[in-house]
Amino acid sequence: MNTPSNPDTSNTPSIQQAAREQPMRTSLWQALVHAARRRLQAWRRARRCARDIAVLRQLDRASLRDLAIHPSEFASCWAEAEGQAERSRRRIVRTVDRRSPS
């Protein structure tokens, strides 16, 4: 019988047990949220890359020559400009450094 003087605690978790499980639930939730954010950021980065490369592909040969970019370099130029790859082109370093807040 479940009375105030004799409560049946066989089916209810103890306060200590609930306290031990709470951090595990919180950390699992935080890990899931973090993973979802990283996937969303990667998806957004991929969409931005595809959009920017599509714009570069619309340029004519003379414009590309003026920019000193060959079509085979689109992805690597984009990666350098976005900080996804080590900067090896001086013009990208200068452009990115000007855009970065000091």
Protein backbone atom coordinates (compact mmCIF):
# COMPACT_ATOMS: atom_id res chain seq x y z
CA MET A 1 0.00 0.00 0.00
CA ASN A 2 1.27 3.47 -0.88
CA THR A 3 0.73 5.74 2.13
CA PRO A 4 2.64 8.83 3.23
CA SER A 5 4.19 6.93 6.12
CA ASN A 6 5.14 3.96 3.92
CA PRO A 7 5.69 5.13 0.32
CA ASP A 8 6.28 2.49 -2.35
CA THR A 9 9.58 3.51 -3.95
CA SER A 10 10.20 0.39 -6.00
CA ASN A 11 9.00 2.01 -9.27
CA THR A 12 10.20 5.58 -8.74
CA PRO A 13 13.82 6.58 -9.33
CA SER A 14 15.71 7.93 -6.38
CA ILE A 15 16.82 11.52 -6.30
CA GLN A 16 20.44 10.38 -6.51
CA GLN A 17 19.73 8.21 -9.56
CA ALA A 18 17.92 11.06 -11.31
CA ALA A 19 20.79 13.41 -10.52
CA ARG A 20 23.29 10.96 -12.04
CA GLU A 21 21.25 10.54 -15.23
CA GLN A 22 20.60 14.26 -15.82
CA PRO A 23 24.17 15.22 -16.85
CA MET A 24 24.28 12.26 -19.25
CA ARG A 25 21.03 13.36 -20.88
CA THR A 26 22.23 16.95 -21.08
CA SER A 27 25.59 16.01 -22.57
CA LEU A 28 23.93 13.70 -25.10
CA TRP A 29 21.52 16.46 -26.10
CA GLN A 30 24.38 18.97 -26.39
CA ALA A 31 26.36 16.54 -28.55
CA LEU A 32 23.38 16.04 -30.86
CA VAL A 33 22.79 19.79 -31.15
CA HIS A 34 26.50 20.38 -31.81
CA ALA A 35 26.57 17.70 -34.52
CA ALA A 36 23.45 19.15 -36.16
CA ARG A 37 24.98 22.64 -36.17
CA ARG A 38 28.19 21.35 -37.74
CA ARG A 39 26.23 19.55 -40.47
CA LEU A 40 24.21 22.69 -41.15
CA GLN A 41 27.36 24.81 -41.37
CA ALA A 42 28.95 22.31 -43.77
CA TRP A 43 25.80 22.31 -45.91
CA ARG A 44 25.72 26.11 -45.99
CA ARG A 45 29.42 26.24 -46.90
CA ALA A 46 28.89 23.75 -49.74
CA ARG A 47 25.91 25.75 -51.06
CA ARG A 48 27.93 28.99 -50.92
CA CYS A 49 30.81 27.31 -52.75
CA ALA A 50 28.53 25.97 -55.47
CA ARG A 51 26.88 29.38 -55.89
CA ASP A 52 30.20 31.25 -56.10
CA ILE A 53 31.71 28.75 -58.54
CA ALA A 54 28.58 29.01 -60.71
CA VAL A 55 29.12 32.79 -60.87
CA LEU A 56 32.77 32.31 -61.87
CA ARG A 57 31.74 29.84 -64.59
CA GLN A 58 29.58 32.56 -66.17
CA LEU A 59 32.60 34.79 -66.79
CA ASP A 60 34.11 34.84 -70.26
CA ARG A 61 37.72 33.88 -71.00
CA ALA A 62 38.90 37.49 -71.18
CA SER A 63 37.53 38.25 -67.71
CA LEU A 64 39.10 35.12 -66.29
CA ARG A 65 42.40 36.03 -67.90
CA ASP A 66 42.18 39.51 -66.33
CA LEU A 67 41.58 37.88 -62.95
CA ALA A 68 44.44 35.44 -63.63
CA ILE A 69 42.20 32.49 -62.79
CA HIS A 70 41.88 29.35 -64.86
CA PRO A 71 38.58 27.44 -64.63
CA SER A 72 40.41 24.50 -63.06
CA GLU A 73 41.32 26.77 -60.11
CA PHE A 74 37.80 27.88 -59.13
CA ALA A 75 37.38 25.48 -56.20
CA SER A 76 40.87 26.02 -54.79
CA CYS A 77 40.57 29.82 -55.08
CA TRP A 78 37.23 29.68 -53.28
CA ALA A 79 38.65 27.46 -50.54
CA GLU A 80 41.56 29.83 -49.98
CA ALA A 81 39.31 32.89 -49.93
CA GLU A 82 36.98 31.24 -47.40
CA GLY A 83 39.81 30.05 -45.18
CA GLN A 84 39.18 26.37 -45.94
CA ALA A 85 42.67 25.87 -47.38
CA GLU A 86 46.08 27.37 -46.82
CA ARG A 87 46.51 30.63 -48.68
CA SER A 88 49.04 30.30 -51.46
CA ARG A 89 47.96 33.09 -53.81
CA ARG A 90 49.09 36.62 -52.95
CA ARG A 91 46.03 38.30 -54.43
CA ILE A 92 43.72 36.18 -52.27
CA VAL A 93 45.78 36.88 -49.17
CA ARG A 94 45.53 40.62 -49.78
CA THR A 95 41.79 40.49 -50.50
CA VAL A 96 40.98 38.30 -47.50
CA ASP A 97 43.19 40.35 -45.20
CA ARG A 98 41.35 43.53 -46.24
CA ARG A 99 37.99 41.94 -45.55
CA SER A 100 39.01 40.62 -42.11
CA PRO A 101 38.30 42.98 -39.22
CA SER A 102 41.50 44.07 -37.49
